[in-house]
Every structure is written in C-alpha cells, then in structure tokens.
Amino acid sequence: MIRFFSIIFLLLPFLLAGQTEVAVPKEKKFGIGLVPQYAITSGTRIDFDIRLPGKNQWLVVAPQLYLVTENSNLWNFEEMTGVGIDLQHRIFIGQGKDPRGAYLAYGPVFQYRSVRDKGLTSYQYKEDGATYIGLHEEMMQTGIWKTGGNLIFGYQALASRSVYFDLYLGTGIRFSFDNRTPGLHSYYNEWWGDLGYSGTLMVGGFRFGILL
C-alpha cells in the first residue's frame, strides 16, 4: 500500500502538468480582405496578406477590377473597364506575432484602364491643292496606364484572432500615360482622382477581412 501511494506521489506532478497544458494558438500566415471605398470609383479590391519570414512582416497583394457602363458621378465618359494591382511590404511595429497594432507599408502601384468616350481625333483633308489636318469629335477608345508608389502608416485591430479591421493613411505619387496625342485629353488629368492623374496625392482608407 505504501509503495502504491509512493508511485502515485511520484507521478502526480506529471499528471498535473498534463491537465494544465494549454494549446499554443497556431500562427496566422494568410489573410483575405476587402477595401469597400473602391466602390466609390466603380472598382473592387481584394487584399491577400501573406506572412513573410522574419519578425511580423507581410506581403500584401491587392488586385483590382474596374467597370463603368454609364456616366458616373466622378467622371464624364461612356464606358470604362480596367484592372490594377498594389503590392505592399508591411512591417508591424509591435513585438507580438499577431498582425495587430501600428505598421509601416510601402510598395508600387500599377493600373490600366480602357475608356470609351467622345473625343477629338485628327484627320487629313485637301483644299485648293494643299493638305490640312483637322479635328473632329467621334467615339474613341483610350488606353490609360498609371504607375507609382505609396508610403502608408496604418493601424490594424483584431476583433478576434481571425477578424481584422484596418485604417491607413499615407502619401503617394502617380505617373500616367495614354495612347492618344498629348494635349487632346487633358481632362483625364484635371484633379488627383482622375484616371490619368500624374503627381503626388494623399492615400487612405479602411479595410476588413479574415486571417487563416
């Protein structure tokens, strides 16, 4: 009997350790989210967050799709379709392993839009034996390429270990090009929200999503 209780006494720490062992939460390595304000510009943006090796650093891949089939409140044209992608290297400033708290992000931006609208095109005509170049208005397709980069500061909060909310603000620069004669389409570059804007601008927004 004494030997039995002695064995129990020796095994007791191991039994208690097994009962009090807590499962370690699995580290999140992937996220998917939406940026709702892109709906204002008739677009959809989905963010894919991928954890990078190292101290709480992430790669954000953000493809975009744009579609306008009638005049919008922001722009005056007939139709527009487009695609884009933002890439971000995101570094969380905190010491934890979860993607929460303040962060710094930077990366390039690429966009292409095809716009169908009435515009001025050139044509040649002859008069009195001479050749002239004139302008007339007709329906035309314009391709607009835009590239640049962003520097962003943000704060990401976790409602649970799997749901995040993210607010961000920063600055950026854009360079735009189109396939038309320079000077005939300056109305695509009248303000920072235009399709063909070139220059510096403020960037900011809100996104939410889940972590897996």
N, C-alpha and C. Protein backbone atom coordinates (compact mmCIF):
# COMPACT_ATOMS: atom_id res chain seq x y z
N MET A 1 0.84 -1.20 0.00
CA MET A 1 0.00 0.00 0.00
C MET A 1 0.87 1.26 0.00
N ILE A 2 1.94 1.21 0.85
CA ILE A 2 2.84 2.37 0.90
C ILE A 2 3.52 2.56 -0.45
N ARG A 3 3.89 1.42 -1.09
CA ARG A 3 4.52 1.51 -2.40
C ARG A 3 3.56 2.11 -3.43
N PHE A 4 2.27 1.78 -3.34
CA PHE A 4 1.27 2.30 -4.28
C PHE A 4 1.16 3.81 -4.17
N PHE A 5 1.06 4.32 -2.90
CA PHE A 5 0.93 5.76 -2.70
C PHE A 5 2.23 6.48 -3.08
N SER A 6 3.35 5.83 -2.92
CA SER A 6 4.62 6.43 -3.31
C SER A 6 4.68 6.62 -4.82
N ILE A 7 4.20 5.61 -5.55
CA ILE A 7 4.18 5.72 -7.02
C ILE A 7 3.24 6.83 -7.46
N ILE A 8 2.07 6.92 -6.80
CA ILE A 8 1.11 7.98 -7.14
C ILE A 8 1.72 9.35 -6.88
N PHE A 9 2.41 9.47 -5.76
CA PHE A 9 3.03 10.73 -5.38
C PHE A 9 4.09 11.15 -6.40
N LEU A 10 4.87 10.19 -6.89
CA LEU A 10 5.90 10.49 -7.86
C LEU A 10 5.31 10.87 -9.22
N LEU A 11 4.17 10.25 -9.57
CA LEU A 11 3.54 10.53 -10.86
C LEU A 11 2.65 11.77 -10.84
N LEU A 12 2.32 12.28 -9.65
CA LEU A 12 1.37 13.39 -9.53
C LEU A 12 1.81 14.63 -10.30
N PRO A 13 3.09 15.07 -10.22
CA PRO A 13 3.48 16.27 -10.99
C PRO A 13 3.26 16.10 -12.48
N PHE A 14 3.54 14.88 -13.00
CA PHE A 14 3.36 14.65 -14.43
C PHE A 14 1.89 14.66 -14.81
N LEU A 15 1.03 14.11 -13.93
CA LEU A 15 -0.41 14.12 -14.19
C LEU A 15 -0.96 15.53 -14.17
N LEU A 16 -0.51 16.36 -13.21
CA LEU A 16 -0.98 17.74 -13.14
C LEU A 16 -0.49 18.56 -14.33
N ALA A 17 0.74 18.29 -14.75
CA ALA A 17 1.28 19.00 -15.91
C ALA A 17 0.46 18.70 -17.15
N GLY A 18 0.04 17.47 -17.31
CA GLY A 18 -0.77 17.10 -18.46
C GLY A 18 -2.13 17.76 -18.43
N GLN A 19 -2.69 17.98 -17.22
CA GLN A 19 -4.01 18.59 -17.10
C GLN A 19 -3.96 20.09 -17.35
N THR A 20 -2.84 20.75 -16.99
CA THR A 20 -2.76 22.20 -17.09
C THR A 20 -2.13 22.66 -18.41
N GLU A 21 -1.74 21.74 -19.28
CA GLU A 21 -1.12 22.12 -20.55
C GLU A 21 -2.13 22.85 -21.42
N VAL A 22 -1.72 24.01 -21.94
CA VAL A 22 -2.58 24.85 -22.76
C VAL A 22 -2.10 24.79 -24.22
N ALA A 23 -3.03 24.60 -25.14
CA ALA A 23 -2.68 24.53 -26.54
C ALA A 23 -2.17 25.89 -27.03
N VAL A 24 -1.05 25.91 -27.72
CA VAL A 24 -0.48 27.15 -28.25
C VAL A 24 -1.23 27.52 -29.53
N PRO A 25 -1.78 28.77 -29.60
CA PRO A 25 -2.51 29.18 -30.81
C PRO A 25 -1.63 29.10 -32.04
N LYS A 26 -2.20 28.62 -33.12
CA LYS A 26 -1.46 28.50 -34.37
C LYS A 26 -1.22 29.87 -34.98
N GLU A 27 -0.02 30.10 -35.44
CA GLU A 27 0.35 31.37 -36.03
C GLU A 27 -0.38 31.59 -37.36
N LYS A 28 -0.98 32.78 -37.50
CA LYS A 28 -1.68 33.12 -38.73
C LYS A 28 -0.67 33.43 -39.83
N LYS A 29 -0.90 32.87 -41.02
CA LYS A 29 0.04 33.03 -42.11
C LYS A 29 -0.58 33.60 -43.39
N PHE A 30 -1.91 33.77 -43.41
CA PHE A 30 -2.58 34.23 -44.63
C PHE A 30 -3.83 34.99 -44.25
N GLY A 31 -4.15 36.02 -45.03
CA GLY A 31 -5.37 36.79 -44.80
C GLY A 31 -6.01 37.19 -46.11
N ILE A 32 -7.31 37.42 -46.06
CA ILE A 32 -8.04 37.90 -47.24
C ILE A 32 -9.01 38.98 -46.78
N GLY A 33 -9.05 40.10 -47.51
CA GLY A 33 -9.88 41.21 -47.07
C GLY A 33 -10.42 42.02 -48.22
N LEU A 34 -11.31 42.95 -47.89
CA LEU A 34 -11.95 43.85 -48.85
C LEU A 34 -11.66 45.29 -48.47
N VAL A 35 -11.60 46.16 -49.50
CA VAL A 35 -11.42 47.60 -49.30
C VAL A 35 -12.68 48.28 -49.85
N PRO A 36 -13.67 48.57 -49.01
CA PRO A 36 -15.00 48.97 -49.52
C PRO A 36 -15.04 50.29 -50.25
N GLN A 37 -14.12 51.24 -49.93
CA GLN A 37 -14.20 52.55 -50.57
C GLN A 37 -13.90 52.50 -52.06
N TYR A 38 -13.37 51.40 -52.57
CA TYR A 38 -13.14 51.28 -54.01
C TYR A 38 -14.45 51.26 -54.80
N ALA A 39 -15.56 50.97 -54.13
CA ALA A 39 -16.86 51.01 -54.80
C ALA A 39 -17.20 52.42 -55.26
N ILE A 40 -16.63 53.45 -54.60
CA ILE A 40 -16.90 54.84 -54.99
C ILE A 40 -16.38 55.10 -56.40
N THR A 41 -15.27 54.45 -56.76
CA THR A 41 -14.69 54.62 -58.09
C THR A 41 -15.08 53.47 -59.01
N SER A 42 -16.20 52.82 -58.72
CA SER A 42 -16.72 51.71 -59.53
C SER A 42 -15.70 50.57 -59.63
N GLY A 43 -15.01 50.33 -58.53
CA GLY A 43 -14.00 49.28 -58.51
C GLY A 43 -14.21 48.30 -57.38
N THR A 44 -13.50 47.20 -57.47
CA THR A 44 -13.46 46.18 -56.42
C THR A 44 -12.01 45.85 -56.14
N ARG A 45 -11.63 45.85 -54.87
CA ARG A 45 -10.26 45.49 -54.49
C ARG A 45 -10.31 44.40 -53.42
N ILE A 46 -9.55 43.34 -53.65
CA ILE A 46 -9.43 42.24 -52.70
C ILE A 46 -7.96 42.15 -52.28
N ASP A 47 -7.71 42.14 -50.97
CA ASP A 47 -6.35 42.07 -50.45
C ASP A 47 -6.02 40.66 -50.00
N PHE A 48 -4.84 40.18 -50.41
CA PHE A 48 -4.32 38.90 -49.95
C PHE A 48 -3.06 39.18 -49.13
N ASP A 49 -3.11 38.88 -47.84
CA ASP A 49 -1.98 39.11 -46.94
C ASP A 49 -1.21 37.81 -46.75
N ILE A 50 0.08 37.85 -46.99
CA ILE A 50 0.93 36.66 -46.90
C ILE A 50 2.07 36.95 -45.93
N ARG A 51 2.18 36.15 -44.88
CA ARG A 51 3.25 36.35 -43.90
C ARG A 51 4.60 36.02 -44.52
N LEU A 52 5.57 36.91 -44.27
CA LEU A 52 6.93 36.71 -44.76
C LEU A 52 7.83 36.17 -43.64
N PRO A 53 8.91 35.51 -43.99
CA PRO A 53 9.86 35.09 -42.96
C PRO A 53 10.42 36.32 -42.23
N GLY A 54 10.60 36.19 -40.95
CA GLY A 54 11.10 37.32 -40.18
C GLY A 54 10.11 37.78 -39.16
N LYS A 55 10.37 38.95 -38.60
CA LYS A 55 9.61 39.46 -37.46
C LYS A 55 8.35 40.19 -37.91
N ASN A 56 7.25 39.49 -37.95
CA ASN A 56 5.93 40.06 -38.22
C ASN A 56 5.93 40.99 -39.44
N GLN A 57 6.40 40.49 -40.57
CA GLN A 57 6.37 41.21 -41.83
C GLN A 57 5.47 40.47 -42.81
N TRP A 58 4.77 41.25 -43.61
CA TRP A 58 3.77 40.67 -44.51
C TRP A 58 3.90 41.26 -45.90
N LEU A 59 3.52 40.47 -46.90
CA LEU A 59 3.36 40.92 -48.27
C LEU A 59 1.87 41.02 -48.56
N VAL A 60 1.42 42.20 -48.99
CA VAL A 60 0.01 42.41 -49.34
C VAL A 60 -0.09 42.51 -50.86
N VAL A 61 -0.85 41.61 -51.46
CA VAL A 61 -1.11 41.62 -52.91
C VAL A 61 -2.57 42.02 -53.09
N ALA A 62 -2.80 43.14 -53.78
CA ALA A 62 -4.14 43.73 -53.84
C ALA A 62 -4.59 43.93 -55.28
N PRO A 63 -5.15 42.92 -55.94
CA PRO A 63 -5.68 43.10 -57.31
C PRO A 63 -6.98 43.89 -57.30
N GLN A 64 -7.21 44.61 -58.40
CA GLN A 64 -8.40 45.45 -58.52
C GLN A 64 -9.06 45.25 -59.88
N LEU A 65 -10.37 45.44 -59.90
CA LEU A 65 -11.16 45.38 -61.13
C LEU A 65 -12.08 46.59 -61.17
N TYR A 66 -12.14 47.27 -62.33
CA TYR A 66 -12.97 48.46 -62.50
C TYR A 66 -13.93 48.25 -63.67
N LEU A 67 -15.17 48.72 -63.49
CA LEU A 67 -16.17 48.58 -64.54
C LEU A 67 -17.20 49.68 -64.42
N VAL A 68 -17.33 50.48 -65.47
CA VAL A 68 -18.35 51.53 -65.56
C VAL A 68 -19.04 51.37 -66.91
N THR A 69 -20.34 51.24 -66.90
CA THR A 69 -21.10 51.08 -68.15
C THR A 69 -21.98 52.29 -68.45
N GLU A 70 -21.94 53.29 -67.59
CA GLU A 70 -22.68 54.52 -67.84
C GLU A 70 -21.99 55.65 -67.09
N ASN A 71 -22.40 56.89 -67.37
CA ASN A 71 -21.77 58.04 -66.72
C ASN A 71 -21.83 57.92 -65.20
N SER A 72 -20.69 58.16 -64.56
CA SER A 72 -20.62 58.08 -63.11
C SER A 72 -20.64 59.48 -62.52
N ASN A 73 -20.67 59.55 -61.18
CA ASN A 73 -20.65 60.84 -60.51
C ASN A 73 -19.26 61.48 -60.52
N LEU A 74 -18.22 60.67 -60.71
CA LEU A 74 -16.85 61.19 -60.67
C LEU A 74 -16.33 61.57 -62.04
N TRP A 75 -16.70 60.82 -63.07
CA TRP A 75 -16.12 61.04 -64.40
C TRP A 75 -17.22 61.14 -65.45
N ASN A 76 -16.88 61.81 -66.53
CA ASN A 76 -17.84 62.01 -67.61
C ASN A 76 -17.35 61.28 -68.86
N PHE A 77 -17.71 60.01 -68.98
CA PHE A 77 -17.40 59.23 -70.17
C PHE A 77 -18.44 58.15 -70.33
N GLU A 78 -18.42 57.46 -71.46
CA GLU A 78 -19.45 56.48 -71.76
C GLU A 78 -19.22 55.15 -71.03
N GLU A 79 -18.02 54.57 -71.19
CA GLU A 79 -17.72 53.28 -70.59
C GLU A 79 -16.27 53.25 -70.14
N MET A 80 -15.99 52.41 -69.13
CA MET A 80 -14.63 52.23 -68.68
C MET A 80 -14.47 50.84 -68.07
N THR A 81 -13.41 50.16 -68.45
CA THR A 81 -13.03 48.91 -67.81
C THR A 81 -11.55 49.02 -67.45
N GLY A 82 -11.16 48.30 -66.41
CA GLY A 82 -9.77 48.40 -66.01
C GLY A 82 -9.37 47.35 -65.00
N VAL A 83 -8.08 47.21 -64.84
CA VAL A 83 -7.50 46.29 -63.85
C VAL A 83 -6.35 47.02 -63.18
N GLY A 84 -5.95 46.51 -62.03
CA GLY A 84 -4.83 47.10 -61.32
C GLY A 84 -4.31 46.16 -60.25
N ILE A 85 -3.18 46.51 -59.69
CA ILE A 85 -2.63 45.74 -58.59
C ILE A 85 -1.73 46.65 -57.74
N ASP A 86 -1.89 46.55 -56.43
CA ASP A 86 -0.99 47.19 -55.48
C ASP A 86 -0.18 46.11 -54.77
N LEU A 87 1.09 46.38 -54.55
CA LEU A 87 1.95 45.49 -53.77
C LEU A 87 2.49 46.27 -52.59
N GLN A 88 2.46 45.64 -51.40
CA GLN A 88 2.93 46.31 -50.20
C GLN A 88 3.82 45.39 -49.38
N HIS A 89 4.92 45.94 -48.89
CA HIS A 89 5.70 45.29 -47.84
C HIS A 89 5.28 45.95 -46.53
N ARG A 90 4.64 45.18 -45.68
CA ARG A 90 4.05 45.71 -44.45
C ARG A 90 4.86 45.23 -43.25
N ILE A 91 5.26 46.16 -42.39
CA ILE A 91 6.07 45.85 -41.21
C ILE A 91 5.33 46.34 -39.98
N PHE A 92 4.92 45.42 -39.11
CA PHE A 92 4.26 45.79 -37.86
C PHE A 92 5.31 46.21 -36.83
N ILE A 93 5.03 47.30 -36.13
CA ILE A 93 6.00 47.89 -35.22
C ILE A 93 6.02 47.17 -33.87
N GLY A 94 4.92 46.57 -33.46
CA GLY A 94 4.84 45.92 -32.16
C GLY A 94 5.71 44.68 -32.05
N GLN A 95 5.79 44.14 -30.85
CA GLN A 95 6.64 42.99 -30.56
C GLN A 95 5.93 41.65 -30.74
N GLY A 96 4.61 41.66 -30.81
CA GLY A 96 3.86 40.40 -30.87
C GLY A 96 3.97 39.73 -32.23
N LYS A 97 3.47 38.50 -32.28
CA LYS A 97 3.49 37.73 -33.52
C LYS A 97 2.21 37.93 -34.34
N ASP A 98 1.13 38.36 -33.68
CA ASP A 98 -0.11 38.60 -34.42
C ASP A 98 -0.01 39.89 -35.22
N PRO A 99 -0.66 39.95 -36.40
CA PRO A 99 -0.63 41.17 -37.23
C PRO A 99 -1.59 42.22 -36.68
N ARG A 100 -1.19 42.88 -35.60
CA ARG A 100 -2.03 43.88 -34.97
C ARG A 100 -1.18 45.08 -34.57
N GLY A 101 -1.86 46.23 -34.41
CA GLY A 101 -1.17 47.43 -33.99
C GLY A 101 -0.70 48.28 -35.16
N ALA A 102 0.20 49.21 -34.85
CA ALA A 102 0.70 50.15 -35.85
C ALA A 102 1.65 49.44 -36.82
N TYR A 103 1.66 49.93 -38.06
CA TYR A 103 2.54 49.35 -39.07
C TYR A 103 2.97 50.41 -40.08
N LEU A 104 4.04 50.10 -40.79
CA LEU A 104 4.53 50.88 -41.92
C LEU A 104 4.45 50.00 -43.15
N ALA A 105 3.98 50.57 -44.28
CA ALA A 105 3.87 49.81 -45.52
C ALA A 105 4.32 50.67 -46.69
N TYR A 106 4.93 50.04 -47.68
CA TYR A 106 5.35 50.74 -48.87
C TYR A 106 5.34 49.77 -50.04
N GLY A 107 5.19 50.32 -51.25
CA GLY A 107 5.19 49.45 -52.41
C GLY A 107 4.66 50.12 -53.66
N PRO A 108 4.77 49.44 -54.80
CA PRO A 108 4.37 50.00 -56.09
C PRO A 108 2.88 49.83 -56.38
N VAL A 109 2.41 50.61 -57.35
CA VAL A 109 1.02 50.60 -57.81
C VAL A 109 1.03 50.52 -59.33
N PHE A 110 0.18 49.65 -59.90
CA PHE A 110 0.05 49.54 -61.35
C PHE A 110 -1.44 49.48 -61.71
N GLN A 111 -1.85 50.26 -62.72
CA GLN A 111 -3.24 50.25 -63.17
C GLN A 111 -3.31 50.44 -64.69
N TYR A 112 -4.33 49.84 -65.28
CA TYR A 112 -4.64 50.08 -66.69
C TYR A 112 -6.14 50.22 -66.83
N ARG A 113 -6.56 51.26 -67.56
CA ARG A 113 -7.98 51.46 -67.83
C ARG A 113 -8.20 51.74 -69.31
N SER A 114 -9.27 51.17 -69.83
CA SER A 114 -9.69 51.42 -71.20
C SER A 114 -10.98 52.22 -71.17
N VAL A 115 -10.95 53.41 -71.74
CA VAL A 115 -12.07 54.35 -71.67
C VAL A 115 -12.67 54.54 -73.06
N ARG A 116 -13.98 54.41 -73.14
CA ARG A 116 -14.71 54.67 -74.39
C ARG A 116 -15.50 55.96 -74.21
N ASP A 117 -15.18 56.95 -75.05
CA ASP A 117 -15.80 58.26 -74.87
C ASP A 117 -15.68 59.06 -76.17
N LYS A 118 -16.44 60.13 -76.25
CA LYS A 118 -16.31 61.04 -77.38
C LYS A 118 -15.08 61.92 -77.18
N GLY A 119 -14.29 62.05 -78.24
CA GLY A 119 -13.08 62.86 -78.13
C GLY A 119 -12.67 63.40 -79.48
N LEU A 120 -11.68 64.28 -79.45
CA LEU A 120 -11.19 64.89 -80.68
C LEU A 120 -10.12 64.02 -81.31
N THR A 121 -10.30 63.72 -82.60
CA THR A 121 -9.30 62.97 -83.34
C THR A 121 -8.90 63.77 -84.59
N SER A 122 -7.71 63.53 -85.05
CA SER A 122 -7.20 64.28 -86.20
C SER A 122 -7.53 63.56 -87.51
N TYR A 123 -7.66 64.32 -88.56
CA TYR A 123 -7.88 63.76 -89.89
C TYR A 123 -7.26 64.71 -90.93
N GLN A 124 -6.95 64.17 -92.08
CA GLN A 124 -6.36 64.97 -93.15
C GLN A 124 -7.41 65.28 -94.22
N TYR A 125 -7.30 66.46 -94.77
CA TYR A 125 -8.18 66.81 -95.89
C TYR A 125 -7.41 67.77 -96.82
N LYS A 126 -7.83 67.79 -98.07
CA LYS A 126 -7.19 68.63 -99.07
C LYS A 126 -8.13 69.75 -99.50
N GLU A 127 -7.54 70.88 -99.69
CA GLU A 127 -8.31 72.05 -100.12
C GLU A 127 -7.40 72.95 -100.95
N ASP A 128 -7.84 73.24 -102.16
CA ASP A 128 -7.07 74.07 -103.08
C ASP A 128 -5.67 73.50 -103.31
N GLY A 129 -5.59 72.18 -103.39
CA GLY A 129 -4.32 71.54 -103.67
C GLY A 129 -3.41 71.37 -102.48
N ALA A 130 -3.81 71.87 -101.32
CA ALA A 130 -2.99 71.75 -100.11
C ALA A 130 -3.62 70.73 -99.16
N THR A 131 -2.77 70.09 -98.37
CA THR A 131 -3.22 69.11 -97.38
C THR A 131 -3.26 69.75 -96.00
N TYR A 132 -4.38 69.59 -95.32
CA TYR A 132 -4.56 70.17 -93.99
C TYR A 132 -4.90 69.06 -92.99
N ILE A 133 -4.68 69.37 -91.74
CA ILE A 133 -5.04 68.46 -90.65
C ILE A 133 -6.12 69.14 -89.82
N GLY A 134 -7.24 68.46 -89.66
CA GLY A 134 -8.34 68.99 -88.87
C GLY A 134 -8.66 68.10 -87.69
N LEU A 135 -9.56 68.59 -86.87
CA LEU A 135 -10.01 67.84 -85.69
C LEU A 135 -11.52 67.71 -85.75
N HIS A 136 -12.00 66.54 -85.40
CA HIS A 136 -13.45 66.36 -85.27
C HIS A 136 -13.73 65.40 -84.12
N GLU A 137 -14.96 65.45 -83.62
CA GLU A 137 -15.33 64.65 -82.45
C GLU A 137 -15.96 63.34 -82.91
N GLU A 138 -15.51 62.24 -82.29
CA GLU A 138 -16.09 60.94 -82.58
C GLU A 138 -15.86 60.02 -81.38
N MET A 139 -16.56 58.89 -81.38
CA MET A 139 -16.38 57.92 -80.31
C MET A 139 -15.02 57.25 -80.47
N MET A 140 -14.27 57.15 -79.36
CA MET A 140 -12.92 56.63 -79.43
C MET A 140 -12.57 55.85 -78.16
N GLN A 141 -11.60 55.00 -78.29
CA GLN A 141 -11.12 54.18 -77.18
C GLN A 141 -9.74 54.70 -76.76
N THR A 142 -9.59 54.95 -75.48
CA THR A 142 -8.32 55.45 -74.95
C THR A 142 -7.80 54.51 -73.88
N GLY A 143 -6.57 54.08 -74.03
CA GLY A 143 -5.92 53.26 -73.01
C GLY A 143 -5.06 54.12 -72.11
N ILE A 144 -5.25 53.99 -70.79
CA ILE A 144 -4.53 54.83 -69.82
C ILE A 144 -3.75 53.91 -68.88
N TRP A 145 -2.44 54.09 -68.84
CA TRP A 145 -1.58 53.34 -67.92
C TRP A 145 -1.17 54.26 -66.77
N LYS A 146 -1.19 53.72 -65.58
CA LYS A 146 -0.80 54.50 -64.40
C LYS A 146 0.11 53.65 -63.52
N THR A 147 1.21 54.24 -63.08
CA THR A 147 2.11 53.55 -62.16
C THR A 147 2.56 54.54 -61.09
N GLY A 148 3.21 54.04 -60.06
CA GLY A 148 3.64 54.90 -58.96
C GLY A 148 3.93 54.09 -57.73
N GLY A 149 3.84 54.72 -56.57
CA GLY A 149 4.12 54.04 -55.32
C GLY A 149 3.46 54.74 -54.16
N ASN A 150 3.33 54.02 -53.04
CA ASN A 150 2.71 54.54 -51.83
C ASN A 150 3.61 54.32 -50.63
N LEU A 151 3.53 55.24 -49.66
CA LEU A 151 4.13 55.08 -48.34
C LEU A 151 3.01 55.28 -47.33
N ILE A 152 2.71 54.26 -46.54
CA ILE A 152 1.49 54.25 -45.72
C ILE A 152 1.82 53.94 -44.27
N PHE A 153 1.12 54.64 -43.37
CA PHE A 153 1.11 54.30 -41.96
C PHE A 153 -0.31 53.88 -41.61
N GLY A 154 -0.44 52.81 -40.83
CA GLY A 154 -1.77 52.32 -40.51
C GLY A 154 -1.83 51.67 -39.15
N TYR A 155 -3.05 51.31 -38.79
CA TYR A 155 -3.28 50.61 -37.52
C TYR A 155 -4.30 49.50 -37.78
N GLN A 156 -3.90 48.28 -37.47
CA GLN A 156 -4.78 47.12 -37.67
C GLN A 156 -5.19 46.54 -36.32
N ALA A 157 -6.49 46.43 -36.11
CA ALA A 157 -7.04 45.88 -34.88
C ALA A 157 -7.66 44.52 -35.16
N LEU A 158 -7.57 43.62 -34.18
CA LEU A 158 -8.15 42.30 -34.31
C LEU A 158 -9.39 42.22 -33.43
N ALA A 159 -10.55 41.97 -34.05
CA ALA A 159 -11.77 41.75 -33.28
C ALA A 159 -11.74 40.38 -32.62
N SER A 160 -11.05 39.46 -33.22
CA SER A 160 -10.75 38.13 -32.67
C SER A 160 -9.44 37.73 -33.33
N ARG A 161 -8.99 36.53 -33.12
CA ARG A 161 -7.73 36.11 -33.75
C ARG A 161 -7.90 35.91 -35.26
N SER A 162 -9.13 35.96 -35.75
CA SER A 162 -9.36 35.68 -37.16
C SER A 162 -10.02 36.81 -37.93
N VAL A 163 -10.40 37.91 -37.28
CA VAL A 163 -11.09 39.02 -37.94
C VAL A 163 -10.31 40.30 -37.67
N TYR A 164 -9.99 41.05 -38.74
CA TYR A 164 -9.23 42.28 -38.56
C TYR A 164 -9.96 43.47 -39.18
N PHE A 165 -9.66 44.65 -38.63
CA PHE A 165 -10.11 45.93 -39.16
C PHE A 165 -8.89 46.84 -39.26
N ASP A 166 -8.76 47.53 -40.38
CA ASP A 166 -7.52 48.22 -40.69
C ASP A 166 -7.82 49.63 -41.20
N LEU A 167 -7.23 50.65 -40.56
CA LEU A 167 -7.30 52.03 -41.01
C LEU A 167 -5.90 52.48 -41.42
N TYR A 168 -5.80 53.19 -42.57
CA TYR A 168 -4.48 53.59 -43.03
C TYR A 168 -4.53 54.95 -43.70
N LEU A 169 -3.38 55.64 -43.68
CA LEU A 169 -3.24 56.97 -44.28
C LEU A 169 -1.79 57.14 -44.70
N GLY A 170 -1.59 57.78 -45.84
CA GLY A 170 -0.22 57.97 -46.30
C GLY A 170 -0.16 58.89 -47.51
N THR A 171 0.93 58.78 -48.23
CA THR A 171 1.15 59.61 -49.40
C THR A 171 1.62 58.74 -50.55
N GLY A 172 1.50 59.28 -51.76
CA GLY A 172 1.90 58.51 -52.93
C GLY A 172 2.23 59.42 -54.10
N ILE A 173 2.70 58.81 -55.17
CA ILE A 173 2.99 59.53 -56.40
C ILE A 173 2.51 58.68 -57.56
N ARG A 174 2.01 59.35 -58.62
CA ARG A 174 1.48 58.65 -59.78
C ARG A 174 2.06 59.25 -61.08
N PHE A 175 2.29 58.35 -62.05
CA PHE A 175 2.72 58.74 -63.39
C PHE A 175 1.77 58.06 -64.37
N SER A 176 1.10 58.85 -65.22
CA SER A 176 0.10 58.31 -66.13
C SER A 176 0.48 58.57 -67.58
N PHE A 177 0.10 57.63 -68.44
CA PHE A 177 0.37 57.73 -69.88
C PHE A 177 -0.86 57.21 -70.63
N ASP A 178 -1.11 57.77 -71.81
CA ASP A 178 -2.19 57.24 -72.63
C ASP A 178 -1.70 57.09 -74.07
N ASN A 179 -2.52 56.46 -74.88
CA ASN A 179 -2.13 56.15 -76.26
C ASN A 179 -2.67 57.17 -77.25
N ARG A 180 -2.97 58.37 -76.77
CA ARG A 180 -3.50 59.40 -77.65
C ARG A 180 -2.53 60.57 -77.77
N THR A 181 -2.83 61.50 -78.68
CA THR A 181 -1.97 62.65 -78.91
C THR A 181 -1.93 63.54 -77.67
N PRO A 182 -0.75 63.89 -77.16
CA PRO A 182 -0.66 64.76 -75.99
C PRO A 182 -1.39 66.07 -76.22
N GLY A 183 -2.08 66.53 -75.21
CA GLY A 183 -2.78 67.80 -75.28
C GLY A 183 -4.24 67.70 -75.63
N LEU A 184 -4.67 66.56 -76.19
CA LEU A 184 -6.07 66.43 -76.57
C LEU A 184 -6.93 65.84 -75.47
N HIS A 185 -6.30 65.28 -74.42
CA HIS A 185 -7.08 64.59 -73.40
C HIS A 185 -6.68 65.03 -72.00
N SER A 186 -6.45 66.31 -71.84
CA SER A 186 -6.05 66.83 -70.53
C SER A 186 -7.16 66.68 -69.49
N TYR A 187 -8.41 66.47 -69.93
CA TYR A 187 -9.48 66.32 -68.95
C TYR A 187 -9.39 65.00 -68.20
N TYR A 188 -8.50 64.09 -68.58
CA TYR A 188 -8.24 62.90 -67.78
C TYR A 188 -7.24 63.18 -66.66
N ASN A 189 -6.73 64.43 -66.59
CA ASN A 189 -5.71 64.78 -65.60
C ASN A 189 -6.01 66.15 -65.01
N GLU A 190 -7.26 66.37 -64.59
CA GLU A 190 -7.66 67.66 -64.04
C GLU A 190 -7.56 67.71 -62.52
N TRP A 191 -7.66 66.57 -61.85
CA TRP A 191 -7.54 66.53 -60.39
C TRP A 191 -7.00 65.16 -59.99
N TRP A 192 -6.62 65.01 -58.69
CA TRP A 192 -5.90 63.82 -58.25
C TRP A 192 -6.71 62.53 -58.38
N GLY A 193 -8.03 62.64 -58.49
CA GLY A 193 -8.86 61.45 -58.64
C GLY A 193 -9.10 61.03 -60.07
N ASP A 194 -8.58 61.80 -61.04
CA ASP A 194 -8.81 61.48 -62.44
C ASP A 194 -8.05 60.22 -62.86
N LEU A 195 -8.57 59.61 -63.93
CA LEU A 195 -7.97 58.36 -64.42
C LEU A 195 -6.53 58.54 -64.86
N GLY A 196 -6.22 59.70 -65.45
CA GLY A 196 -4.88 59.93 -65.97
C GLY A 196 -4.06 60.89 -65.14
N TYR A 197 -4.34 60.98 -63.84
CA TYR A 197 -3.63 61.94 -62.99
C TYR A 197 -2.16 61.57 -62.84
N SER A 198 -1.30 62.59 -62.91
CA SER A 198 0.12 62.45 -62.60
C SER A 198 0.48 63.48 -61.53
N GLY A 199 1.21 63.03 -60.50
CA GLY A 199 1.59 63.92 -59.43
C GLY A 199 1.51 63.23 -58.08
N THR A 200 1.68 64.00 -57.02
CA THR A 200 1.60 63.46 -55.66
C THR A 200 0.16 63.51 -55.17
N LEU A 201 -0.15 62.69 -54.18
CA LEU A 201 -1.50 62.64 -53.65
C LEU A 201 -1.49 62.00 -52.26
N MET A 202 -2.57 62.21 -51.54
CA MET A 202 -2.78 61.54 -50.26
C MET A 202 -3.57 60.25 -50.52
N VAL A 203 -3.22 59.20 -49.80
CA VAL A 203 -3.94 57.93 -49.90
C VAL A 203 -4.40 57.54 -48.49
N GLY A 204 -5.54 56.89 -48.43
CA GLY A 204 -6.06 56.47 -47.13
C GLY A 204 -7.28 55.62 -47.33
N GLY A 205 -7.69 54.96 -46.27
CA GLY A 205 -8.88 54.13 -46.39
C GLY A 205 -9.06 53.18 -45.23
N PHE A 206 -9.94 52.24 -45.47
CA PHE A 206 -10.34 51.27 -44.46
C PHE A 206 -10.49 49.93 -45.14
N ARG A 207 -10.11 48.87 -44.45
CA ARG A 207 -10.31 47.53 -44.97
C ARG A 207 -10.62 46.59 -43.82
N PHE A 208 -11.24 45.47 -44.17
CA PHE A 208 -11.54 44.45 -43.15
C PHE A 208 -11.42 43.08 -43.81
N GLY A 209 -11.22 42.06 -42.97
CA GLY A 209 -11.06 40.74 -43.53
C GLY A 209 -10.85 39.69 -42.46
N ILE A 210 -10.41 38.52 -42.90
CA ILE A 210 -10.18 37.40 -42.00
C ILE A 210 -8.75 36.89 -42.15
N LEU A 211 -8.24 36.29 -41.08
CA LEU A 211 -6.92 35.69 -41.07
C LEU A 211 -7.05 34.17 -40.95
N LEU A 212 -6.24 33.45 -41.68
CA LEU A 212 -6.30 31.99 -41.71
C LEU A 212 -4.97 31.41 -41.26
